[in-house]
Amino acid sequence: MAQSAVAQPTVTTPAVPAKLPIGAIAPWAVFLGILMLVLLYFVGAEQGATSLVSGEGVHEWVHDARHLLGFPCH
């Protein structure tokens, strides 16, 4: 009986996540921030004196989003 029937567990070290440099993340963060501001403008302010697009087309496309986010529109 010198041999064991049960295998001994091996000790493993936990995996360390790869480090991302801030230079790789910053352009994407700026791009997404600008995109969110543009979307917020079209949903919340694209109507009236600061309108970039004439007519009611944009208003009709984002009408439900305006109500969902609490922007008054009528």
Protein backbone atom coordinates (compact mmCIF):
# COMPACT_ATOMS: atom_id res chain seq x y z
CA MET A 1 0.00 0.00 0.00
CA ALA A 2 2.71 2.46 -0.84
CA GLN A 3 0.68 4.09 -3.62
CA SER A 4 -2.28 6.40 -3.01
CA ALA A 5 -5.47 6.00 -5.03
CA VAL A 6 -6.37 9.69 -4.67
CA ALA A 7 -4.43 12.29 -6.62
CA GLN A 8 -2.96 15.09 -4.56
CA PRO A 9 -4.37 18.56 -5.41
CA THR A 10 -1.95 20.95 -7.01
CA VAL A 11 -1.64 24.51 -5.75
CA THR A 12 -2.26 27.13 -8.44
CA THR A 13 -1.80 30.86 -8.24
CA PRO A 14 -4.76 33.08 -9.16
CA ALA A 15 -4.69 34.68 -12.59
CA VAL A 16 -3.79 38.35 -12.61
CA PRO A 17 -5.78 40.47 -15.11
CA ALA A 18 -3.77 42.24 -17.76
CA LYS A 19 -3.08 45.90 -17.06
CA LEU A 20 -4.36 48.33 -19.68
CA PRO A 21 -2.49 51.60 -20.04
CA ILE A 22 -4.62 54.72 -19.66
CA GLY A 23 -3.45 55.81 -23.12
CA ALA A 24 -5.33 52.88 -24.64
CA ILE A 25 -8.57 53.65 -22.80
CA ALA A 26 -8.61 57.47 -23.00
CA PRO A 27 -9.49 57.84 -26.73
CA TRP A 28 -12.42 55.44 -26.37
CA ALA A 29 -13.63 57.20 -23.22
CA VAL A 30 -13.53 60.59 -24.98
CA PHE A 31 -15.31 59.17 -28.05
CA LEU A 32 -18.08 57.59 -25.94
CA GLY A 33 -18.44 60.76 -23.87
CA ILE A 34 -18.91 62.89 -27.00
CA LEU A 35 -21.35 60.34 -28.42
CA MET A 36 -23.40 60.42 -25.21
CA LEU A 37 -23.49 64.23 -25.27
CA VAL A 38 -24.68 64.23 -28.89
CA LEU A 39 -27.39 61.69 -28.05
CA LEU A 40 -28.43 63.73 -25.01
CA TYR A 41 -28.65 66.83 -27.20
CA PHE A 42 -30.87 65.15 -29.78
CA VAL A 43 -33.12 63.59 -27.16
CA GLY A 44 -33.32 66.58 -24.85
CA ALA A 45 -32.71 69.79 -26.75
CA GLU A 46 -33.25 69.23 -30.48
CA GLN A 47 -36.24 71.46 -30.66
CA GLY A 48 -36.61 75.20 -30.62
CA ALA A 49 -33.99 77.95 -30.89
CA THR A 50 -30.93 75.65 -30.84
CA SER A 51 -32.29 73.20 -33.38
CA LEU A 52 -29.72 71.86 -35.86
CA VAL A 53 -32.32 70.05 -37.96
CA SER A 54 -35.43 71.88 -39.13
CA GLY A 55 -38.84 70.31 -38.85
CA GLU A 56 -40.25 67.72 -36.48
CA GLY A 57 -38.42 64.63 -37.79
CA VAL A 58 -35.88 64.31 -34.99
CA HIS A 59 -38.55 65.10 -32.40
CA GLU A 60 -40.74 62.27 -33.65
CA TRP A 61 -37.84 59.77 -33.69
CA VAL A 62 -36.86 60.48 -30.08
CA HIS A 63 -40.31 61.30 -28.70
CA ASP A 64 -40.63 58.27 -26.41
CA ALA A 65 -37.06 58.62 -25.19
CA ARG A 66 -37.82 62.21 -24.21
CA HIS A 67 -40.67 61.08 -21.99
CA LEU A 68 -38.66 58.17 -20.58
CA LEU A 69 -35.82 60.51 -19.55
CA GLY A 70 -38.19 63.17 -18.18
CA PHE A 71 -37.78 65.87 -20.82
CA PRO A 72 -40.95 67.87 -21.46
CA CYS A 73 -41.91 68.12 -25.09
CA HIS A 74 -45.58 69.09 -25.19
